[in-house]
Protein backbone atom coordinates (compact mmCIF):
# COMPACT_ATOMS: atom_id res chain seq x y z
CA UNK A 1 2.28 -22.57 71.38
CA UNK A 2 2.92 -19.47 73.47
CA UNK A 3 2.29 -16.13 71.70
CA UNK A 4 5.32 -14.28 70.43
CA UNK A 5 6.44 -11.56 72.82
CA UNK A 6 5.56 -8.13 71.46
CA UNK A 7 7.09 -4.94 72.76
CA UNK A 8 4.50 -2.69 74.38
CA UNK A 9 4.12 0.75 72.85
CA UNK A 10 2.42 3.70 74.48
CA UNK A 11 0.13 5.85 72.39
CA UNK A 12 -1.42 9.20 73.18
CA UNK A 13 -3.72 11.60 71.39
CA UNK A 14 -3.77 15.17 72.65
CA UNK A 15 -6.53 17.44 71.36
CA UNK A 16 -6.49 21.22 71.76
CA UNK A 17 -9.34 23.66 71.24
CA UNK A 18 -8.31 27.19 70.28
CA UNK A 19 -10.15 30.47 69.85
CA UNK A 20 -10.51 32.03 66.42
CA UNK A 21 -7.73 34.51 67.13
CA UNK A 22 -5.32 31.60 67.66
CA UNK A 23 -6.18 29.63 64.52
CA UNK A 24 -3.22 31.10 62.62
CA UNK A 25 -0.92 30.22 65.51
CA UNK A 26 -2.25 26.64 65.36
CA UNK A 27 -1.43 26.47 61.65
CA UNK A 28 2.07 27.70 62.45
CA UNK A 29 2.57 25.09 65.16
CA UNK A 30 1.46 22.37 62.77
CA UNK A 31 4.30 23.35 60.46
CA UNK A 32 7.05 24.12 62.94
CA UNK A 33 6.51 21.21 65.28
CA UNK A 34 7.17 18.69 62.54
CA UNK A 35 10.83 19.48 63.21
CA UNK A 36 10.75 19.79 67.00
CA UNK A 37 8.53 16.91 68.12
CA UNK A 38 10.60 14.25 66.39
CA UNK A 39 13.58 15.17 68.59
CA UNK A 40 11.79 14.22 71.82
CA UNK A 41 13.37 11.20 73.59
CA UNK A 42 11.50 7.93 73.36
CA UNK A 43 9.32 8.99 70.43
CA UNK A 44 8.86 6.37 67.71
CA UNK A 45 6.05 7.89 65.58
CA UNK A 46 4.03 11.09 65.44
CA UNK A 47 1.44 12.93 63.39
CA UNK A 48 0.14 16.48 63.73
CA UNK A 49 -3.38 16.67 62.38
CA UNK A 50 -6.37 18.84 61.85
CA UNK A 51 -9.82 17.66 62.84
CA UNK A 52 -13.33 17.71 61.47
CA UNK A 53 -16.82 16.47 62.06
CA UNK A 54 -16.27 13.37 59.93
CA UNK A 55 -19.69 13.81 58.33
CA UNK A 56 -18.44 13.99 54.74
CA UNK A 57 -14.60 14.07 54.90
CA UNK A 58 -14.60 17.05 52.56
CA UNK A 59 -13.13 20.50 53.21
CA UNK A 60 -16.43 21.77 54.63
CA UNK A 61 -16.03 19.33 57.53
CA UNK A 62 -12.88 21.05 58.78
CA UNK A 63 -12.89 22.26 62.36
CA UNK A 64 -10.31 25.04 62.62
CA UNK A 65 -10.76 25.25 66.37
CA UNK A 66 -9.61 21.71 67.24
CA UNK A 67 -6.16 20.29 66.51
CA UNK A 68 -4.54 17.07 67.61
CA UNK A 69 -1.14 15.48 68.07
CA UNK A 70 -0.79 11.69 67.87
CA UNK A 71 2.40 10.27 69.36
CA UNK A 72 3.80 6.78 69.99
CA UNK A 73 6.40 6.16 72.71
CA UNK A 74 8.81 3.51 73.89
CA UNK A 75 7.70 3.75 77.51
CA UNK A 76 4.92 5.08 79.69
CA UNK A 77 7.37 7.51 81.26
CA UNK A 78 8.27 9.01 77.90
CA UNK A 79 4.59 9.30 77.04
CA UNK A 80 3.69 11.12 80.23
CA UNK A 81 6.75 13.38 79.96
CA UNK A 82 5.37 14.73 76.70
CA UNK A 83 3.04 17.09 78.56
CA UNK A 84 6.11 18.83 80.03
CA UNK A 85 7.79 19.22 76.64
CA UNK A 86 8.04 22.49 74.73
CA UNK A 87 5.67 21.36 71.92
CA UNK A 88 2.96 20.37 74.43
CA UNK A 89 3.34 23.63 76.35
CA UNK A 90 2.98 25.61 73.11
CA UNK A 91 -0.43 24.01 72.54
CA UNK A 92 -1.44 24.46 76.16
CA UNK A 93 -0.62 28.17 75.96
CA UNK A 94 -3.23 28.83 73.26
CA UNK A 95 -5.80 26.19 74.21
CA UNK A 96 -9.17 26.97 75.80
CA UNK A 97 -9.64 23.27 76.57
CA UNK A 98 -7.59 20.12 76.06
CA UNK A 99 -8.22 16.38 76.07
CA UNK A 100 -5.52 13.81 76.74
CA UNK A 101 -6.05 10.17 75.80
CA UNK A 102 -3.44 7.58 76.78
CA UNK A 103 -3.67 4.15 75.19
CA UNK A 104 -2.05 0.80 74.45
CA UNK A 105 -2.79 -1.13 71.24
CA UNK A 106 -5.15 -4.10 71.29
CA UNK A 107 -4.98 -4.74 67.55
CA UNK A 108 -3.51 -3.05 64.51
CA UNK A 109 -3.74 -3.90 60.82
CA UNK A 110 -2.19 -1.98 57.95
CA UNK A 111 0.37 0.78 57.61
CA UNK A 112 0.65 4.54 58.03
CA UNK A 113 3.25 6.32 55.93
CA UNK A 114 4.75 2.92 55.21
CA UNK A 115 5.15 2.06 58.90
CA UNK A 116 3.38 -0.05 61.50
CA UNK A 117 3.37 2.58 64.26
CA UNK A 118 1.40 0.50 66.77
CA UNK A 119 3.36 -2.70 66.27
CA UNK A 120 1.71 -6.11 66.05
CA UNK A 121 -0.01 -6.53 69.42
CA UNK A 122 -1.08 -9.94 70.67
CA UNK A 123 -4.85 -10.29 71.08
CA UNK A 124 -6.13 -9.89 74.63
CA UNK A 125 -9.49 -9.42 76.25
CA UNK A 126 -10.28 -5.89 77.40
CA UNK A 127 -13.56 -4.87 79.02
CA UNK A 128 -12.89 -1.20 79.67
CA UNK A 129 -12.92 2.01 77.63
CA UNK A 130 -11.73 1.34 74.11
CA UNK A 131 -10.59 3.62 71.30
CA UNK A 132 -10.66 2.97 67.57
CA UNK A 133 -8.57 4.67 64.92
CA UNK A 134 -8.96 4.35 61.17
CA UNK A 135 -6.74 6.06 58.65
CA UNK A 136 -6.64 5.83 54.87
CA UNK A 137 -4.94 7.40 51.89
CA UNK A 138 -7.70 7.58 49.29
CA UNK A 139 -6.85 7.29 45.61
CA UNK A 140 -7.86 10.56 43.87
CA UNK A 141 -10.07 8.80 41.31
CA UNK A 142 -12.21 7.44 44.14
CA UNK A 143 -12.62 10.66 46.15
CA UNK A 144 -16.16 11.43 44.99
CA UNK A 145 -17.48 7.92 45.52
CA UNK A 146 -15.84 7.75 48.95
CA UNK A 147 -17.41 11.08 49.94
CA UNK A 148 -20.86 9.86 48.89
CA UNK A 149 -20.49 6.81 51.13
CA UNK A 150 -19.54 8.72 54.28
CA UNK A 151 -22.76 10.50 55.44
CA UNK A 152 -24.82 7.32 56.09
CA UNK A 153 -21.94 5.80 58.06
CA UNK A 154 -21.42 8.99 60.07
CA UNK A 155 -25.12 9.23 60.92
CA UNK A 156 -25.16 5.57 61.96
CA UNK A 157 -22.01 5.99 64.05
CA UNK A 158 -23.37 8.86 66.09
CA UNK A 159 -26.53 6.89 66.87
CA UNK A 160 -24.68 3.75 67.97
CA UNK A 161 -25.00 2.71 71.65
CA UNK A 162 -21.71 2.74 73.52
CA UNK A 163 -20.11 5.62 71.62
CA UNK A 164 -18.65 8.28 73.93
CA UNK A 165 -17.23 10.68 71.34
CA UNK A 166 -15.71 10.74 67.87
CA UNK A 167 -13.96 13.09 65.49
CA UNK A 168 -12.49 13.13 62.03
CA UNK A 169 -8.71 13.46 61.81
CA UNK A 170 -6.48 14.20 58.85
CA UNK A 171 -3.02 15.22 57.77
CA UNK A 172 -4.52 17.11 54.84
CA UNK A 173 -7.97 18.57 54.02
CA UNK A 174 -8.69 15.84 51.47
CA UNK A 175 -7.24 12.48 50.49
CA UNK A 176 -5.66 11.58 53.86
CA UNK A 177 -8.59 10.84 56.09
CA UNK A 178 -9.23 9.13 59.38
CA UNK A 179 -11.50 8.80 62.37
CA UNK A 180 -10.87 8.48 66.07
CA UNK A 181 -13.55 7.35 68.49
CA UNK A 182 -13.87 6.35 72.14
CA UNK A 183 -16.32 3.67 73.23
CA UNK A 184 -17.61 2.23 76.48
CA UNK A 185 -16.09 -1.15 75.62
CA UNK A 186 -14.66 -3.26 72.82
CA UNK A 187 -17.96 -5.03 72.19
CA UNK A 188 -19.60 -1.71 71.27
CA UNK A 189 -17.07 -1.17 68.47
CA UNK A 190 -17.57 -4.70 67.20
CA UNK A 191 -21.33 -4.22 67.14
CA UNK A 192 -20.96 -1.09 65.02
CA UNK A 193 -18.36 -2.61 62.68
CA UNK A 194 -20.17 -5.85 62.00
CA UNK A 195 -23.87 -5.26 62.50
CA UNK A 196 -24.53 -1.76 61.20
CA UNK A 197 -25.46 -1.98 57.51
CA UNK A 198 -24.00 1.32 56.20
CA UNK A 199 -20.60 0.56 57.69
CA UNK A 200 -20.63 -3.04 56.47
CA UNK A 201 -21.57 -1.83 52.98
CA UNK A 202 -18.63 0.57 52.89
CA UNK A 203 -16.22 -2.17 53.94
CA UNK A 204 -17.53 -4.40 51.17
CA UNK A 205 -17.27 -1.58 48.62
CA UNK A 206 -13.72 -0.87 49.74
CA UNK A 207 -12.69 -4.43 49.01
CA UNK A 208 -14.38 -4.34 45.61
CA UNK A 209 -12.92 -1.07 44.35
CA UNK A 210 -9.60 -0.65 46.15
CA UNK A 211 -10.36 2.93 47.23
CA UNK A 212 -7.23 3.18 49.34
CA UNK A 213 -3.57 3.24 48.45
CA UNK A 214 -2.84 2.71 52.16
CA UNK A 215 -5.01 1.95 55.17
CA UNK A 216 -4.74 1.29 58.89
CA UNK A 217 -7.24 0.05 61.45
CA UNK A 218 -6.37 -0.09 65.14
CA UNK A 219 -8.06 -0.56 68.49
CA UNK A 220 -6.67 0.51 71.84
CA UNK A 221 -7.37 -0.01 75.49
CA UNK A 222 -7.71 3.43 77.02
CA UNK A 223 -5.50 3.57 80.09
CA UNK A 224 -6.10 7.18 81.05
CA UNK A 225 -8.43 10.01 80.08
CA UNK A 226 -8.24 13.59 81.23
CA UNK A 227 -9.51 16.98 80.15
CA UNK A 228 -12.55 17.82 78.08
CA UNK A 229 -13.58 17.49 74.46
CA UNK A 230 -16.79 18.75 72.84
CA UNK A 231 -18.25 19.49 76.25
CA UNK A 232 -17.56 15.97 77.56
CA UNK A 233 -15.57 15.65 80.78
CA UNK A 234 -13.30 12.77 79.80
CA UNK A 235 -11.82 12.65 83.27
CA UNK A 236 -15.12 11.32 84.61
CA UNK A 237 -15.23 8.69 81.88
CA UNK A 238 -11.87 7.28 82.97
CA UNK A 239 -13.37 6.28 86.31
CA UNK A 240 -15.38 3.52 84.66
CA UNK A 241 -12.18 1.49 84.45
CA UNK A 242 -11.75 -1.88 82.81
CA UNK A 243 -9.60 -4.96 83.00
CA UNK A 244 -7.66 -7.24 80.73
CA UNK A 245 -6.95 -10.90 80.88
């Protein structure tokens, strides 16, 4: 049986670094752009988020100098046009550096704010740069136990071969947590997910306790990288390429 045709969606994550004197402006943009971004043509989903180290997923992780905008688009043209939009230019005006990651979903399981923003992509092989996004709404009664489980996973993640960079993302300082990471290839993510004991233990504990009231796991083929993040020239990374079949 042939696979069901699935509409392609175009995803981008734009990360901006700001100086201390622009942190208040960043907070303001986070509030005001919730009204302006959703009016952009071709947009189907968006989230404005703060970032953090992802080491504990508590308030002390927060990085007030990096902010990100996740958007999902109907077409590649709409996605690329975002950089010329007023919201994008407002971030560019205060940014000391920016990273732009363009992606297409390889797999997606779960929901975000009651939606499936990345659709239901058909499986395909992809050998190039790959991104992973996890997002969860944690039940308040499980906050402390969740926080205790994070440091070993974070330490293991940063020591895993194939990882290019990662950051914590969140719509709120606590309770709505996520991670975003970029890897050399899809196999590197699978190796971390399946073979690394701390991560496997957390997955098992999640199933036992029901930590989350909502969760989403997605992988993406990275179609374009530009700019810099955490001192890494992502533009150079995009030259490694990849192919699907």
